[in-house]
Amino acid sequence: MRHKTASHLRAWRIPQQAVEDITLAVSELVTNAVIHGEGAVCVVVRLVDHEVRVEVTDNSPQPARVTGAGPDDMSGRGMFLVAVFARCIEVSKDGYTTTAIFSLTGGRR
């Protein structure tokens, strides 16, 4: 998933640092969906105006959320990392889809 995402972003001529940030975030979103979701995972990456929108859908109605991990915890940092790089994170009302929006005009959170 990381290679395919990076390839699409490069084809859209996204700056390299943004490619790295978004690719890491996609990896974390997909990992979260695989670990906490049920069954298939669908990933859609779109370039809309000056933003990259990443939508990850799984079969679990439990919404993704940013949590804090302790220094000795082995997990729990994925959504925090997404929040660092994304302009915003949206969760669908039904909880199945998490969308991270990345600004290409320098506007991180």
PDB file of N, CA and C in Angstrom:
ATOM      1  N   MET A   1       0.823  -1.185   0.000  1.00  0.00           N
ATOM      2  CA  MET A   1       0.000   0.000   0.000  1.00  0.00           C
ATOM      3  C   MET A   1       0.877   1.262   0.000  1.00  0.00           C
ATOM      4  N   ARG A   2       1.971   1.216   0.741  1.00  0.00           N
ATOM      5  CA  ARG A   2       2.855   2.389   0.799  1.00  0.00           C
ATOM      6  C   ARG A   2       3.423   2.724  -0.576  1.00  0.00           C
ATOM      7  N   HIS A   3       3.889   1.699  -1.296  1.00  0.00           N
ATOM      8  CA  HIS A   3       4.506   1.934  -2.609  1.00  0.00           C
ATOM      9  C   HIS A   3       3.486   2.459  -3.612  1.00  0.00           C
ATOM     10  N   LYS A   4       2.298   1.887  -3.604  1.00  0.00           N
ATOM     11  CA  LYS A   4       1.255   2.323  -4.534  1.00  0.00           C
ATOM     12  C   LYS A   4       0.844   3.767  -4.236  1.00  0.00           C
ATOM     13  N   THR A   5       0.674   4.088  -2.966  1.00  0.00           N
ATOM     14  CA  THR A   5       0.313   5.456  -2.576  1.00  0.00           C
ATOM     15  C   THR A   5       1.400   6.436  -3.006  1.00  0.00           C
ATOM     16  N   ALA A   6       2.640   6.125  -2.682  1.00  0.00           N
ATOM     17  CA  ALA A   6       3.752   7.015  -3.037  1.00  0.00           C
ATOM     18  C   ALA A   6       3.841   7.196  -4.550  1.00  0.00           C
ATOM     19  N   SER A   7       3.624   6.126  -5.297  1.00  0.00           N
ATOM     20  CA  SER A   7       3.670   6.196  -6.755  1.00  0.00           C
ATOM     21  C   SER A   7       2.605   7.146  -7.295  1.00  0.00           C
ATOM     22  N   HIS A   8       1.384   7.045  -6.791  1.00  0.00           N
ATOM     23  CA  HIS A   8       0.310   7.945  -7.227  1.00  0.00           C
ATOM     24  C   HIS A   8       0.628   9.391  -6.857  1.00  0.00           C
ATOM     25  N   LEU A   9       1.102   9.610  -5.653  1.00  0.00           N
ATOM     26  CA  LEU A   9       1.416  10.970  -5.217  1.00  0.00           C
ATOM     27  C   LEU A   9       2.521  11.580  -6.071  1.00  0.00           C
ATOM     28  N   ARG A  10       3.530  10.792  -6.395  1.00  0.00           N
ATOM     29  CA  ARG A  10       4.615  11.298  -7.249  1.00  0.00           C
ATOM     30  C   ARG A  10       4.102  11.606  -8.652  1.00  0.00           C
ATOM     31  N   ALA A  11       3.204  10.760  -9.159  1.00  0.00           N
ATOM     32  CA  ALA A  11       2.626  10.998 -10.488  1.00  0.00           C
ATOM     33  C   ALA A  11       1.844  12.314 -10.517  1.00  0.00           C
ATOM     34  N   TRP A  12       1.279  12.682  -9.379  1.00  0.00           N
ATOM     35  CA  TRP A  12       0.559  13.957  -9.263  1.00  0.00           C
ATOM     36  C   TRP A  12       1.507  15.107  -8.961  1.00  0.00           C
ATOM     37  N   ARG A  13       2.809  14.831  -8.917  1.00  0.00           N
ATOM     38  CA  ARG A  13       3.853  15.831  -8.658  1.00  0.00           C
ATOM     39  C   ARG A  13       3.717  16.492  -7.282  1.00  0.00           C
ATOM     40  N   ILE A  14       3.365  15.675  -6.304  1.00  0.00           N
ATOM     41  CA  ILE A  14       3.284  16.138  -4.920  1.00  0.00           C
ATOM     42  C   ILE A  14       4.721  16.277  -4.402  1.00  0.00           C
ATOM     43  N   PRO A  15       5.045  17.328  -3.661  1.00  0.00           N
ATOM     44  CA  PRO A  15       6.401  17.482  -3.114  1.00  0.00           C
ATOM     45  C   PRO A  15       6.820  16.268  -2.272  1.00  0.00           C
ATOM     46  N   GLN A  16       8.108  15.941  -2.342  1.00  0.00           N
ATOM     47  CA  GLN A  16       8.619  14.714  -1.714  1.00  0.00           C
ATOM     48  C   GLN A  16       8.319  14.628  -0.218  1.00  0.00           C
ATOM     49  N   GLN A  17       8.469  15.725   0.517  1.00  0.00           N
ATOM     50  CA  GLN A  17       8.186  15.662   1.955  1.00  0.00           C
ATOM     51  C   GLN A  17       6.722  15.326   2.204  1.00  0.00           C
ATOM     52  N   ALA A  18       5.830  15.900   1.408  1.00  0.00           N
ATOM     53  CA  ALA A  18       4.402  15.581   1.542  1.00  0.00           C
ATOM     54  C   ALA A  18       4.141  14.127   1.165  1.00  0.00           C
ATOM     55  N   VAL A  19       4.831  13.617   0.147  1.00  0.00           N
ATOM     56  CA  VAL A  19       4.695  12.199  -0.225  1.00  0.00           C
ATOM     57  C   VAL A  19       5.048  11.318   0.973  1.00  0.00           C
ATOM     58  N   GLU A  20       6.155  11.623   1.623  1.00  0.00           N
ATOM     59  CA  GLU A  20       6.585  10.821   2.777  1.00  0.00           C
ATOM     60  C   GLU A  20       5.585  10.915   3.927  1.00  0.00           C
ATOM     61  N   ASP A  21       5.113  12.121   4.224  1.00  0.00           N
ATOM     62  CA  ASP A  21       4.153  12.309   5.318  1.00  0.00           C
ATOM     63  C   ASP A  21       2.842  11.578   5.044  1.00  0.00           C
ATOM     64  N   ILE A  22       2.314  11.760   3.844  1.00  0.00           N
ATOM     65  CA  ILE A  22       1.029  11.153   3.492  1.00  0.00           C
ATOM     66  C   ILE A  22       1.152   9.640   3.420  1.00  0.00           C
ATOM     67  N   THR A  23       2.247   9.140   2.872  1.00  0.00           N
ATOM     68  CA  THR A  23       2.449   7.693   2.782  1.00  0.00           C
ATOM     69  C   THR A  23       2.510   7.065   4.170  1.00  0.00           C
ATOM     70  N   LEU A  24       3.202   7.701   5.093  1.00  0.00           N
ATOM     71  CA  LEU A  24       3.237   7.204   6.471  1.00  0.00           C
ATOM     72  C   LEU A  24       1.832   7.200   7.070  1.00  0.00           C
ATOM     73  N   ALA A  25       1.093   8.281   6.857  1.00  0.00           N
ATOM     74  CA  ALA A  25      -0.268   8.365   7.401  1.00  0.00           C
ATOM     75  C   ALA A  25      -1.174   7.290   6.810  1.00  0.00           C
ATOM     76  N   VAL A  26      -1.069   7.043   5.506  1.00  0.00           N
ATOM     77  CA  VAL A  26      -1.872   5.983   4.876  1.00  0.00           C
ATOM     78  C   VAL A  26      -1.541   4.640   5.507  1.00  0.00           C
ATOM     79  N   SER A  27      -0.266   4.376   5.705  1.00  0.00           N
ATOM     80  CA  SER A  27       0.149   3.122   6.337  1.00  0.00           C
ATOM     81  C   SER A  27      -0.468   2.980   7.727  1.00  0.00           C
ATOM     82  N   GLU A  28      -0.463   4.046   8.501  1.00  0.00           N
ATOM     83  CA  GLU A  28      -1.035   4.003   9.849  1.00  0.00           C
ATOM     84  C   GLU A  28      -2.548   3.820   9.809  1.00  0.00           C
ATOM     85  N   LEU A  29      -3.225   4.501   8.889  1.00  0.00           N
ATOM     86  CA  LEU A  29      -4.677   4.351   8.763  1.00  0.00           C
ATOM     87  C   LEU A  29      -5.056   2.928   8.365  1.00  0.00           C
ATOM     88  N   VAL A  30      -4.318   2.365   7.406  1.00  0.00           N
ATOM     89  CA  VAL A  30      -4.610   0.997   6.962  1.00  0.00           C
ATOM     90  C   VAL A  30      -4.308   0.001   8.075  1.00  0.00           C
ATOM     91  N   THR A  31      -3.195   0.177   8.759  1.00  0.00           N
ATOM     92  CA  THR A  31      -2.861  -0.712   9.879  1.00  0.00           C
ATOM     93  C   THR A  31      -3.954  -0.664  10.939  1.00  0.00           C
ATOM     94  N   ASN A  32      -4.424   0.531  11.247  1.00  0.00           N
ATOM     95  CA  ASN A  32      -5.501   0.690  12.221  1.00  0.00           C
ATOM     96  C   ASN A  32      -6.758  -0.060  11.767  1.00  0.00           C
ATOM     97  N   ALA A  33      -7.096   0.052  10.481  1.00  0.00           N
ATOM     98  CA  ALA A  33      -8.280  -0.624   9.948  1.00  0.00           C
ATOM     99  C   ALA A  33      -8.123  -2.140   9.985  1.00  0.00           C
ATOM    100  N   VAL A  34      -6.931  -2.632   9.667  1.00  0.00           N
ATOM    101  CA  VAL A  34      -6.690  -4.082   9.677  1.00  0.00           C
ATOM    102  C   VAL A  34      -6.761  -4.629  11.102  1.00  0.00           C
ATOM    103  N   ILE A  35      -6.155  -3.922  12.042  1.00  0.00           N
ATOM    104  CA  ILE A  35      -6.116  -4.402  13.428  1.00  0.00           C
ATOM    105  C   ILE A  35      -7.476  -4.274  14.111  1.00  0.00           C
ATOM    106  N   HIS A  36      -8.136  -3.146  13.916  1.00  0.00           N
ATOM    107  CA  HIS A  36      -9.361  -2.874  14.666  1.00  0.00           C
ATOM    108  C   HIS A  36     -10.638  -3.104  13.865  1.00  0.00           C
ATOM    109  N   GLY A  37     -10.520  -3.193  12.557  1.00  0.00           N
ATOM    110  CA  GLY A  37     -11.692  -3.406  11.714  1.00  0.00           C
ATOM    111  C   GLY A  37     -11.999  -4.878  11.567  1.00  0.00           C
ATOM    112  N   GLU A  38     -12.975  -5.151  10.742  1.00  0.00           N
ATOM    113  CA  GLU A  38     -13.385  -6.530  10.501  1.00  0.00           C
ATOM    114  C   GLU A  38     -13.459  -6.750   8.997  1.00  0.00           C
ATOM    115  N   GLY A  39     -12.663  -7.666   8.473  1.00  0.00           N
ATOM    116  CA  GLY A  39     -12.759  -8.005   7.054  1.00  0.00           C
ATOM    117  C   GLY A  39     -11.995  -7.064   6.153  1.00  0.00           C
ATOM    118  N   ALA A  40     -12.583  -6.806   4.986  1.00  0.00           N
ATOM    119  CA  ALA A  40     -11.926  -6.051   3.925  1.00  0.00           C
ATOM    120  C   ALA A  40     -11.709  -4.591   4.321  1.00  0.00           C
ATOM    121  N   VAL A  41     -10.667  -4.010   3.726  1.00  0.00           N
ATOM    122  CA  VAL A  41     -10.345  -2.599   3.914  1.00  0.00           C
ATOM    123  C   VAL A  41     -10.291  -1.959   2.533  1.00  0.00           C
ATOM    124  N   CYS A  42     -10.916  -0.808   2.384  1.00  0.00           N
ATOM    125  CA  CYS A  42     -10.909  -0.071   1.120  1.00  0.00           C
ATOM    126  C   CYS A  42     -10.176   1.247   1.341  1.00  0.00           C
ATOM    127  N   VAL A  43      -9.254   1.566   0.437  1.00  0.00           N
ATOM    128  CA  VAL A  43      -8.486   2.810   0.537  1.00  0.00           C
ATOM    129  C   VAL A  43      -8.690   3.606  -0.748  1.00  0.00           C
ATOM    130  N   VAL A  44      -9.035   4.872  -0.603  1.00  0.00           N
ATOM    131  CA  VAL A  44      -9.183   5.772  -1.740  1.00  0.00           C
ATOM    132  C   VAL A  44      -8.323   6.999  -1.462  1.00  0.00           C
ATOM    133  N   VAL A  45      -7.451   7.335  -2.423  1.00  0.00           N
ATOM    134  CA  VAL A  45      -6.603   8.524  -2.309  1.00  0.00           C
ATOM    135  C   VAL A  45      -6.956   9.435  -3.478  1.00  0.00           C
ATOM    136  N   ARG A  46      -7.323  10.677  -3.154  1.00  0.00           N
ATOM    137  CA  ARG A  46      -7.753  11.622  -4.186  1.00  0.00           C
ATOM    138  C   ARG A  46      -7.008  12.937  -4.039  1.00  0.00           C
ATOM    139  N   LEU A  47      -6.713  13.546  -5.180  1.00  0.00           N
ATOM    140  CA  LEU A  47      -6.172  14.898  -5.208  1.00  0.00           C
ATOM    141  C   LEU A  47      -7.332  15.826  -5.538  1.00  0.00           C
ATOM    142  N   VAL A  48      -7.681  16.710  -4.609  1.00  0.00           N
ATOM    143  CA  VAL A  48      -8.796  17.640  -4.786  1.00  0.00           C
ATOM    144  C   VAL A  48      -8.265  19.044  -4.517  1.00  0.00           C
ATOM    145  N   ASP A  49      -8.234  19.860  -5.563  1.00  0.00           N
ATOM    146  CA  ASP A  49      -7.676  21.208  -5.460  1.00  0.00           C
ATOM    147  C   ASP A  49      -6.252  21.117  -4.899  1.00  0.00           C
ATOM    148  N   HIS A  50      -5.989  21.716  -3.760  1.00  0.00           N
ATOM    149  CA  HIS A  50      -4.644  21.704  -3.182  1.00  0.00           C
ATOM    150  C   HIS A  50      -4.584  20.813  -1.949  1.00  0.00           C
ATOM    151  N   GLU A  51      -5.366  19.736  -1.986  1.00  0.00           N
ATOM    152  CA  GLU A  51      -5.399  18.811  -0.858  1.00  0.00           C
ATOM    153  C   GLU A  51      -5.394  17.373  -1.352  1.00  0.00           C
ATOM    154  N   VAL A  52      -4.807  16.510  -0.551  1.00  0.00           N
ATOM    155  CA  VAL A  52      -4.910  15.066  -0.779  1.00  0.00           C
ATOM    156  C   VAL A  52      -5.866  14.535   0.277  1.00  0.00           C
ATOM    157  N   ARG A  53      -6.900  13.830  -0.191  1.00  0.00           N
ATOM    158  CA  ARG A  53      -7.897  13.229   0.706  1.00  0.00           C
ATOM    159  C   ARG A  53      -7.679  11.723   0.697  1.00  0.00           C
ATOM    160  N   VAL A  54      -7.500  11.161   1.877  1.00  0.00           N
ATOM    161  CA  VAL A  54      -7.307   9.716   2.034  1.00  0.00           C
ATOM    162  C   VAL A  54      -8.503   9.182   2.803  1.00  0.00           C
ATOM    163  N   GLU A  55      -9.242   8.260   2.184  1.00  0.00           N
ATOM    164  CA  GLU A  55     -10.404   7.644   2.828  1.00  0.00           C
ATOM    165  C   GLU A  55     -10.112   6.170   3.048  1.00  0.00           C
ATOM    166  N   VAL A  56     -10.254   5.725   4.277  1.00  0.00           N
ATOM    167  CA  VAL A  56     -10.051   4.313   4.611  1.00  0.00           C
ATOM    168  C   VAL A  56     -11.346   3.808   5.235  1.00  0.00           C
ATOM    169  N   THR A  57     -11.897   2.764   4.621  1.00  0.00           N
ATOM    170  CA  THR A  57     -13.156   2.187   5.086  1.00  0.00           C
ATOM    171  C   THR A  57     -12.920   0.745   5.489  1.00  0.00           C
ATOM    172  N   ASP A  58     -13.479   0.359   6.637  1.00  0.00           N
ATOM    173  CA  ASP A  58     -13.433  -1.042   7.061  1.00  0.00           C
ATOM    174  C   ASP A  58     -14.841  -1.460   7.471  1.00  0.00           C
ATOM    175  N   ASN A  59     -14.994  -2.651   7.968  1.00  0.00           N
ATOM    176  CA  ASN A  59     -16.314  -3.182   8.314  1.00  0.00           C
ATOM    177  C   ASN A  59     -16.657  -3.047   9.789  1.00  0.00           C
ATOM    178  N   SER A  60     -15.974  -2.170  10.489  1.00  0.00           N
ATOM    179  CA  SER A  60     -16.253  -1.975  11.909  1.00  0.00           C
ATOM    180  C   SER A  60     -16.886  -0.606  12.132  1.00  0.00           C
ATOM    181  N   PRO A  61     -17.996  -0.549  12.867  1.00  0.00           N
ATOM    182  CA  PRO A  61     -18.608   0.743  13.143  1.00  0.00           C
ATOM    183  C   PRO A  61     -17.889   1.534  14.240  1.00  0.00           C
ATOM    184  N   GLN A  62     -16.837   0.953  14.821  1.00  0.00           N
ATOM    185  CA  GLN A  62     -16.071   1.669  15.851  1.00  0.00           C
ATOM    186  C   GLN A  62     -15.221   2.732  15.167  1.00  0.00           C
ATOM    187  N   PRO A  63     -15.446   4.000  15.455  1.00  0.00           N
ATOM    188  CA  PRO A  63     -14.679   5.041  14.779  1.00  0.00           C
ATOM    189  C   PRO A  63     -13.222   5.077  15.229  1.00  0.00           C
ATOM    190  N   ALA A  64     -12.360   5.414  14.280  1.00  0.00           N
ATOM    191  CA  ALA A  64     -10.950   5.625  14.622  1.00  0.00           C
ATOM    192  C   ALA A  64     -10.865   6.879  15.475  1.00  0.00           C
ATOM    193  N   ARG A  65      -9.964   6.885  16.436  1.00  0.00           N
ATOM    194  CA  ARG A  65      -9.791   8.073  17.263  1.00  0.00           C
ATOM    195  C   ARG A  65      -8.331   8.197  17.692  1.00  0.00           C
ATOM    196  N   VAL A  66      -7.948   9.432  17.911  1.00  0.00           N
ATOM    197  CA  VAL A  66      -6.590   9.723  18.363  1.00  0.00           C
ATOM    198  C   VAL A  66      -6.531   9.447  19.860  1.00  0.00           C
ATOM    199  N   THR A  67      -5.570   8.616  20.252  1.00  0.00           N
ATOM    200  CA  THR A  67      -5.368   8.323  21.670  1.00  0.00           C
ATOM    201  C   THR A  67      -3.913   8.579  22.022  1.00  0.00           C
ATOM    202  N   GLY A  68      -3.653   8.711  23.268  1.00  0.00           N
ATOM    203  CA  GLY A  68      -2.282   8.898  23.727  1.00  0.00           C
ATOM    204  C   GLY A  68      -1.686   7.573  24.153  1.00  0.00           C
ATOM    205  N   ALA A  69      -0.477   7.328  23.756  1.00  0.00           N
ATOM    206  CA  ALA A  69       0.235   6.115  24.162  1.00  0.00           C
ATOM    207  C   ALA A  69       1.314   6.505  25.159  1.00  0.00           C
ATOM    208  N   GLY A  70       1.515   5.659  26.137  1.00  0.00           N
ATOM    209  CA  GLY A  70       2.570   5.887  27.108  1.00  0.00           C
ATOM    210  C   GLY A  70       3.930   5.593  26.501  1.00  0.00           C
ATOM    211  N   PRO A  71       5.000   6.054  27.122  1.00  0.00           N
ATOM    212  CA  PRO A  71       6.342   5.861  26.573  1.00  0.00           C
ATOM    213  C   PRO A  71       6.739   4.395  26.428  1.00  0.00           C
ATOM    214  N   ASP A  72       6.157   3.509  27.210  1.00  0.00           N
ATOM    215  CA  ASP A  72       6.504   2.093  27.130  1.00  0.00           C
ATOM    216  C   ASP A  72       5.493   1.273  26.334  1.00  0.00           C
ATOM    217  N   ASP A  73       4.422   1.907  25.852  1.00  0.00           N
ATOM    218  CA  ASP A  73       3.408   1.189  25.078  1.00  0.00           C
ATOM    219  C   ASP A  73       3.965   0.798  23.714  1.00  0.00           C
ATOM    220  N   MET A  74       3.606  -0.408  23.261  1.00  0.00           N
ATOM    221  CA  MET A  74       4.072  -0.905  21.969  1.00  0.00           C
ATOM    222  C   MET A  74       3.167  -0.455  20.822  1.00  0.00           C
ATOM    223  N   SER A  75       2.007   0.094  21.120  1.00  0.00           N
ATOM    224  CA  SER A  75       1.087   0.543  20.077  1.00  0.00           C
ATOM    225  C   SER A  75       0.321   1.759  20.585  1.00  0.00           C
ATOM    226  N   GLY A  76      -0.546   2.291  19.727  1.00  0.00           N
ATOM    227  CA  GLY A  76      -1.380   3.411  20.133  1.00  0.00           C
ATOM    228  C   GLY A  76      -0.936   4.764  19.617  1.00  0.00           C
ATOM    229  N   ARG A  77       0.018   4.780  18.686  1.00  0.00           N
ATOM    230  CA  ARG A  77       0.529   6.053  18.173  1.00  0.00           C
ATOM    231  C   ARG A  77       0.090   6.361  16.749  1.00  0.00           C
ATOM    232  N   GLY A  78      -0.541   5.401  16.086  1.00  0.00           N
ATOM    233  CA  GLY A  78      -0.869   5.548  14.667  1.00  0.00           C
ATOM    234  C   GLY A  78      -1.741   6.741  14.347  1.00  0.00           C
ATOM    235  N   MET A  79      -2.878   6.859  15.007  1.00  0.00           N
ATOM    236  CA  MET A  79      -3.778   7.974  14.723  1.00  0.00           C
ATOM    237  C   MET A  79      -3.176   9.298  15.187  1.00  0.00           C
ATOM    238  N   PHE A  80      -2.349   9.255  16.220  1.00  0.00           N
ATOM    239  CA  PHE A  80      -1.639  10.463  16.650  1.00  0.00           C
ATOM    240  C   PHE A  80      -0.734  10.956  15.517  1.00  0.00           C
ATOM    241  N   LEU A  81      -0.008  10.030  14.869  1.00  0.00           N
ATOM    242  CA  LEU A  81       0.859  10.409  13.750  1.00  0.00           C
ATOM    243  C   LEU A  81       0.048  10.975  12.596  1.00  0.00           C
ATOM    244  N   VAL A  82      -1.084  10.354  12.297  1.00  0.00           N
ATOM    245  CA  VAL A  82      -1.948  10.875  11.236  1.00  0.00           C
ATOM    246  C   VAL A  82      -2.359  12.307  11.575  1.00  0.00           C
ATOM    247  N   ALA A  83      -2.739  12.544  12.823  1.00  0.00           N
ATOM    248  CA  ALA A  83      -3.165  13.879  13.253  1.00  0.00           C
ATOM    249  C   ALA A  83      -2.042  14.908  13.144  1.00  0.00           C
ATOM    250  N   VAL A  84      -0.806  14.483  13.322  1.00  0.00           N
ATOM    251  CA  VAL A  84       0.335  15.399  13.200  1.00  0.00           C
ATOM    252  C   VAL A  84       0.467  15.897  11.764  1.00  0.00           C
ATOM    253  N   PHE A  85       0.284  15.006  10.790  1.00  0.00           N
ATOM    254  CA  PHE A  85       0.508  15.356   9.389  1.00  0.00           C
ATOM    255  C   PHE A  85      -0.729  15.900   8.679  1.00  0.00           C
ATOM    256  N   ALA A  86      -1.907  15.482   9.077  1.00  0.00           N
ATOM    257  CA  ALA A  86      -3.133  15.868   8.378  1.00  0.00           C
ATOM    258  C   ALA A  86      -3.631  17.235   8.823  1.00  0.00           C
ATOM    259  N   ARG A  87      -4.265  17.941   7.896  1.00  0.00           N
ATOM    260  CA  ARG A  87      -4.938  19.196   8.252  1.00  0.00           C
ATOM    261  C   ARG A  87      -6.124  18.894   9.145  1.00  0.00           C
ATOM    262  N   CYS A  88      -6.832  17.805   8.842  1.00  0.00           N
ATOM    263  CA  CYS A  88      -7.934  17.375   9.696  1.00  0.00           C
ATOM    264  C   CYS A  88      -8.228  15.897   9.453  1.00  0.00           C
ATOM    265  N   ILE A  89      -8.912  15.302  10.411  1.00  0.00           N
ATOM    266  CA  ILE A  89      -9.366  13.914  10.323  1.00  0.00           C
ATOM    267  C   ILE A  89     -10.869  13.933  10.531  1.00  0.00           C
ATOM    268  N   GLU A  90     -11.585  13.272   9.621  1.00  0.00           N
ATOM    269  CA  GLU A  90     -13.035  13.182   9.726  1.00  0.00           C
ATOM    270  C   GLU A  90     -13.428  11.714   9.815  1.00  0.00           C
ATOM    271  N   VAL A  91     -14.450  11.426  10.599  1.00  0.00           N
ATOM    272  CA  VAL A  91     -14.984  10.067  10.695  1.00  0.00           C
ATOM    273  C   VAL A  91     -16.443  10.131  10.273  1.00  0.00           C
ATOM    274  N   SER A  92     -16.843   9.218   9.385  1.00  0.00           N
ATOM    275  CA  SER A  92     -18.230   9.203   8.923  1.00  0.00           C
ATOM    276  C   SER A  92     -19.179   8.961  10.088  1.00  0.00           C
ATOM    277  N   LYS A  93     -20.418   9.394   9.926  1.00  0.00           N
ATOM    278  CA  LYS A  93     -21.410   9.237  10.992  1.00  0.00           C
ATOM    279  C   LYS A  93     -21.595   7.782  11.390  1.00  0.00           C
ATOM    280  N   ASP A  94     -21.479   6.866  10.416  1.00  0.00           N
ATOM    281  CA  ASP A  94     -21.659   5.442  10.739  1.00  0.00           C
ATOM    282  C   ASP A  94     -20.394   4.812  11.316  1.00  0.00           C
ATOM    283  N   GLY A  95     -19.271   5.548  11.317  1.00  0.00           N
ATOM    284  CA  GLY A  95     -18.033   5.057  11.915  1.00  0.00           C
ATOM    285  C   GLY A  95     -17.179   4.184  11.020  1.00  0.00           C
ATOM    286  N   TYR A  96     -17.650   3.871   9.826  1.00  0.00           N
ATOM    287  CA  TYR A  96     -16.929   2.940   8.960  1.00  0.00           C
ATOM    288  C   TYR A  96     -15.777   3.582   8.173  1.00  0.00           C
ATOM    289  N   THR A  97     -15.860   4.868   7.901  1.00  0.00           N
ATOM    290  CA  THR A  97     -14.861   5.526   7.059  1.00  0.00           C
ATOM    291  C   THR A  97     -14.151   6.637   7.821  1.00  0.00           C
ATOM    292  N   THR A  98     -12.826   6.595   7.756  1.00  0.00           N
ATOM    293  CA  THR A  98     -11.992   7.659   8.311  1.00  0.00           C
ATOM    294  C   THR A  98     -11.346   8.384   7.143  1.00  0.00           C
ATOM    295  N   THR A  99     -11.456   9.702   7.118  1.00  0.00           N
ATOM    296  CA  THR A  99     -10.864  10.511   6.060  1.00  0.00           C
ATOM    297  C   THR A  99      -9.833  11.442   6.678  1.00  0.00           C
ATOM    298  N   ALA A 100      -8.636  11.413   6.128  1.00  0.00           N
ATOM    299  CA  ALA A 100      -7.581  12.343   6.533  1.00  0.00           C
ATOM    300  C   ALA A 100      -7.339  13.284   5.361  1.00  0.00           C
ATOM    301  N   ILE A 101      -7.287  14.573   5.652  1.00  0.00           N
ATOM    302  CA  ILE A 101      -7.107  15.581   4.612  1.00  0.00           C
ATOM    303  C   ILE A 101      -5.763  16.266   4.835  1.00  0.00           C
ATOM    304  N   PHE A 102      -4.961  16.268   3.767  1.00  0.00           N
ATOM    305  CA  PHE A 102      -3.605  16.815   3.832  1.00  0.00           C
ATOM    306  C   PHE A 102      -3.518  18.030   2.922  1.00  0.00           C
ATOM    307  N   SER A 103      -3.147  19.163   3.480  1.00  0.00           N
ATOM    308  CA  SER A 103      -3.009  20.392   2.715  1.00  0.00           C
ATOM    309  C   SER A 103      -1.669  20.397   1.992  1.00  0.00           C
ATOM    310  N   LEU A 104      -1.692  20.831   0.738  1.00  0.00           N
ATOM    311  CA  LEU A 104      -0.450  20.934  -0.029  1.00  0.00           C
ATOM    312  C   LEU A 104       0.039  22.379  -0.092  1.00  0.00           C
ATOM    313  N   THR A 105      -0.563  23.241   0.697  1.00  0.00           N
ATOM    314  CA  THR A 105      -0.172  24.653   0.700  1.00  0.00           C
ATOM    315  C   THR A 105       0.498  25.044   2.008  1.00  0.00           C
ATOM    316  N   GLY A 106       1.048  24.064   2.701  1.00  0.00           N
ATOM    317  CA  GLY A 106       1.792  24.341   3.920  1.00  0.00           C
ATOM    318  C   GLY A 106       0.966  24.386   5.185  1.00  0.00           C
ATOM    319  N   GLY A 107      -0.302  24.004   5.126  1.00  0.00           N
ATOM    320  CA  GLY A 107      -1.159  24.105   6.299  1.00  0.00           C
ATOM    321  C   GLY A 107      -1.326  22.813   7.060  1.00  0.00           C
ATOM    322  N   ARG A 108      -0.327  22.463   7.859  1.00  0.00           N
ATOM    323  CA  ARG A 108      -0.491  21.324   8.771  1.00  0.00           C
ATOM    324  C   ARG A 108      -1.267  21.787   9.968  1.00  0.00           C
ATOM    325  N   ARG A 109      -1.727  20.843  10.763  1.00  0.00           N
ATOM    326  CA  ARG A 109      -2.454  21.159  11.998  1.00  0.00           C
ATOM    327  C   ARG A 109      -1.663  22.071  12.871  1.00  0.00           C
TER     328      ARG A 109
END
